Amino acid sequence: LYITGSAGAGVSYFEKQGPVYYGPYMDPSKTQIDKAFGPYADLMLGLNYVLSGNIAFFARGGYQMSFYNEDNIESPAGLEFVLGLRIPISGSFRSFE
C-alpha cells in the first residue's frame, strides 16, 4: 500500500447552455451558449494498492480549480474524487513491490 501525492496543471474547456434572459424574463425558445478555455490546477492525495505485478487499485481525492477570464462564466472549483484500476500496457508494477 502506497500513499501518493500529485499536483497537476493544464487547460480546461467549459460550455454552459441555457435559455436566454431579458432582464428577469426567460425566453425558452432561444438558447444562449457560453464557452471558455482556461488553465486549471489540482492537488491530489491518494492510496495505491498493488495487488499483483499487473494489477493495482487506486483512490485519490483533492481540490481542482479552473481559471476563466469570462464575465458570464464563474470559474469552477471543488473537490474531486477518483477510484480506479491500473493495468499496465507494457511492463509491470514489479518495481513498486
C-alpha atoms as a PDB file:
ATOM      1  CA  LEU A   1       0.000   0.000   0.000  1.00  0.00           C
ATOM      2  CA  TYR A   2       1.452   3.350  -1.061  1.00  0.00           C
ATOM      3  CA  ILE A   3       0.420   6.914  -0.287  1.00  0.00           C
ATOM      4  CA  THR A   4       0.699   9.130  -3.342  1.00  0.00           C
ATOM      5  CA  GLY A   5       0.555  12.857  -3.856  1.00  0.00           C
ATOM      6  CA  SER A   6       0.392  14.814  -7.076  1.00  0.00           C
ATOM      7  CA  ALA A   7      -0.043  18.274  -8.481  1.00  0.00           C
ATOM      8  CA  GLY A   8      -1.350  18.874 -11.964  1.00  0.00           C
ATOM      9  CA  ALA A   9      -1.904  21.706 -14.384  1.00  0.00           C
ATOM     10  CA  GLY A  10      -3.325  22.023 -17.847  1.00  0.00           C
ATOM     11  CA  VAL A  11      -6.022  23.594 -19.981  1.00  0.00           C
ATOM     12  CA  SER A  12      -9.765  23.102 -19.488  1.00  0.00           C
ATOM     13  CA  TYR A  13     -12.814  23.804 -21.626  1.00  0.00           C
ATOM     14  CA  PHE A  14     -16.221  24.731 -20.248  1.00  0.00           C
ATOM     15  CA  GLU A  15     -19.542  25.133 -22.063  1.00  0.00           C
ATOM     16  CA  LYS A  16     -22.780  26.347 -20.470  1.00  0.00           C
ATOM     17  CA  GLN A  17     -26.122  26.240 -22.291  1.00  0.00           C
ATOM     18  CA  GLY A  18     -29.379  27.694 -21.102  1.00  0.00           C
ATOM     19  CA  PRO A  19     -32.350  29.837 -22.049  1.00  0.00           C
ATOM     20  CA  VAL A  20     -31.853  33.495 -22.952  1.00  0.00           C
ATOM     21  CA  TYR A  21     -32.824  36.031 -20.272  1.00  0.00           C
ATOM     22  CA  TYR A  22     -34.069  39.544 -20.947  1.00  0.00           C
ATOM     23  CA  GLY A  23     -33.777  41.129 -17.535  1.00  0.00           C
ATOM     24  CA  PRO A  24     -35.816  38.932 -15.175  1.00  0.00           C
ATOM     25  CA  TYR A  25     -37.715  37.296 -18.092  1.00  0.00           C
ATOM     26  CA  MET A  26     -36.705  33.997 -19.638  1.00  0.00           C
ATOM     27  CA  ASP A  27     -37.187  33.173 -23.344  1.00  0.00           C
ATOM     28  CA  PRO A  28     -37.126  29.337 -23.597  1.00  0.00           C
ATOM     29  CA  SER A  29     -37.409  29.481 -27.409  1.00  0.00           C
ATOM     30  CA  LYS A  30     -33.777  30.713 -27.658  1.00  0.00           C
ATOM     31  CA  THR A  31     -30.599  29.139 -26.310  1.00  0.00           C
ATOM     32  CA  GLN A  32     -27.610  31.057 -25.009  1.00  0.00           C
ATOM     33  CA  ILE A  33     -24.276  29.214 -25.274  1.00  0.00           C
ATOM     34  CA  ASP A  34     -21.276  30.440 -23.297  1.00  0.00           C
ATOM     35  CA  LYS A  35     -17.858  28.833 -23.871  1.00  0.00           C
ATOM     36  CA  ALA A  36     -14.484  29.362 -22.229  1.00  0.00           C
ATOM     37  CA  PHE A  37     -10.948  27.965 -22.250  1.00  0.00           C
ATOM     38  CA  GLY A  38      -8.646  28.474 -19.327  1.00  0.00           C
ATOM     39  CA  PRO A  39      -5.870  26.986 -17.221  1.00  0.00           C
ATOM     40  CA  TYR A  40      -6.583  24.628 -14.342  1.00  0.00           C
ATOM     41  CA  ALA A  41      -4.597  23.292 -11.414  1.00  0.00           C
ATOM     42  CA  ASP A  42      -5.160  20.479  -8.947  1.00  0.00           C
ATOM     43  CA  LEU A  43      -3.651  18.958  -5.810  1.00  0.00           C
ATOM     44  CA  MET A  44      -4.387  15.287  -5.143  1.00  0.00           C
ATOM     45  CA  LEU A  45      -3.614  12.824  -2.343  1.00  0.00           C
ATOM     46  CA  GLY A  46      -4.349   9.135  -2.613  1.00  0.00           C
ATOM     47  CA  LEU A  47      -3.666   5.470  -1.997  1.00  0.00           C
ATOM     48  CA  ASN A  48      -2.209   2.933  -4.426  1.00  0.00           C
ATOM     49  CA  TYR A  49      -2.570  -0.796  -3.659  1.00  0.00           C
ATOM     50  CA  VAL A  50      -0.541  -3.187  -5.816  1.00  0.00           C
ATOM     51  CA  LEU A  51      -2.477  -6.470  -5.934  1.00  0.00           C
ATOM     52  CA  SER A  52      -0.037  -8.233  -8.277  1.00  0.00           C
ATOM     53  CA  GLY A  53       2.648  -7.348 -10.792  1.00  0.00           C
ATOM     54  CA  ASN A  54      -0.039  -6.458 -13.325  1.00  0.00           C
ATOM     55  CA  ILE A  55      -2.981  -5.092 -11.309  1.00  0.00           C
ATOM     56  CA  ALA A  56      -3.153  -2.114  -8.951  1.00  0.00           C
ATOM     57  CA  PHE A  57      -6.120  -0.298  -7.402  1.00  0.00           C
ATOM     58  CA  PHE A  58      -6.057   3.398  -6.575  1.00  0.00           C
ATOM     59  CA  ALA A  59      -8.183   6.012  -4.828  1.00  0.00           C
ATOM     60  CA  ARG A  60      -7.409   9.721  -4.962  1.00  0.00           C
ATOM     61  CA  GLY A  61      -9.037  12.867  -3.685  1.00  0.00           C
ATOM     62  CA  GLY A  62      -8.148  16.505  -3.895  1.00  0.00           C
ATOM     63  CA  TYR A  63      -9.058  20.006  -4.948  1.00  0.00           C
ATOM     64  CA  GLN A  64      -9.303  21.221  -8.550  1.00  0.00           C
ATOM     65  CA  MET A  65      -9.761  24.788  -9.789  1.00  0.00           C
ATOM     66  CA  SER A  66     -10.159  26.308 -13.248  1.00  0.00           C
ATOM     67  CA  PHE A  67      -9.412  29.930 -14.055  1.00  0.00           C
ATOM     68  CA  TYR A  68     -11.606  31.565 -16.727  1.00  0.00           C
ATOM     69  CA  ASN A  69     -11.427  35.206 -17.741  1.00  0.00           C
ATOM     70  CA  GLU A  70     -15.083  35.469 -18.760  1.00  0.00           C
ATOM     71  CA  ASP A  71     -17.792  37.755 -17.383  1.00  0.00           C
ATOM     72  CA  ASN A  72     -20.633  35.271 -17.837  1.00  0.00           C
ATOM     73  CA  ILE A  73     -18.896  32.088 -16.567  1.00  0.00           C
ATOM     74  CA  GLU A  74     -17.718  31.675 -12.996  1.00  0.00           C
ATOM     75  CA  SER A  75     -14.515  29.684 -12.593  1.00  0.00           C
ATOM     76  CA  PRO A  76     -15.498  26.229 -11.312  1.00  0.00           C
ATOM     77  CA  ALA A  77     -13.632  24.773  -8.363  1.00  0.00           C
ATOM     78  CA  GLY A  78     -14.219  21.987  -5.902  1.00  0.00           C
ATOM     79  CA  LEU A  79     -13.372  18.587  -4.540  1.00  0.00           C
ATOM     80  CA  GLU A  80     -12.563  15.748  -6.909  1.00  0.00           C
ATOM     81  CA  PHE A  81     -12.570  12.025  -6.073  1.00  0.00           C
ATOM     82  CA  VAL A  82     -11.283   9.241  -8.322  1.00  0.00           C
ATOM     83  CA  LEU A  83     -11.361   5.438  -7.932  1.00  0.00           C
ATOM     84  CA  GLY A  84      -9.743   3.134 -10.452  1.00  0.00           C
ATOM     85  CA  LEU A  85      -7.896   0.048 -11.572  1.00  0.00           C
ATOM     86  CA  ARG A  86      -4.494   0.170 -13.255  1.00  0.00           C
ATOM     87  CA  ILE A  87      -3.343  -2.482 -15.705  1.00  0.00           C
ATOM     88  CA  PRO A  88      -0.023  -1.739 -17.471  1.00  0.00           C
ATOM     89  CA  ILE A  89       0.042  -1.920 -21.259  1.00  0.00           C
ATOM     90  CA  SER A  90       3.697  -2.873 -21.262  1.00  0.00           C
ATOM     91  CA  GLY A  91       5.916  -3.969 -18.380  1.00  0.00           C
ATOM     92  CA  SER A  92       4.606  -4.423 -14.847  1.00  0.00           C
ATOM     93  CA  PHE A  93       4.358  -2.890 -11.373  1.00  0.00           C
ATOM     94  CA  ARG A  94       7.145  -5.151 -10.032  1.00  0.00           C
ATOM     95  CA  SER A  95       9.391  -2.181  -9.380  1.00  0.00           C
ATOM     96  CA  PHE A  96       6.845  -0.986  -6.761  1.00  0.00           C
ATOM     97  CA  GLU A  97       6.678  -4.283  -4.820  1.00  0.00           C
END
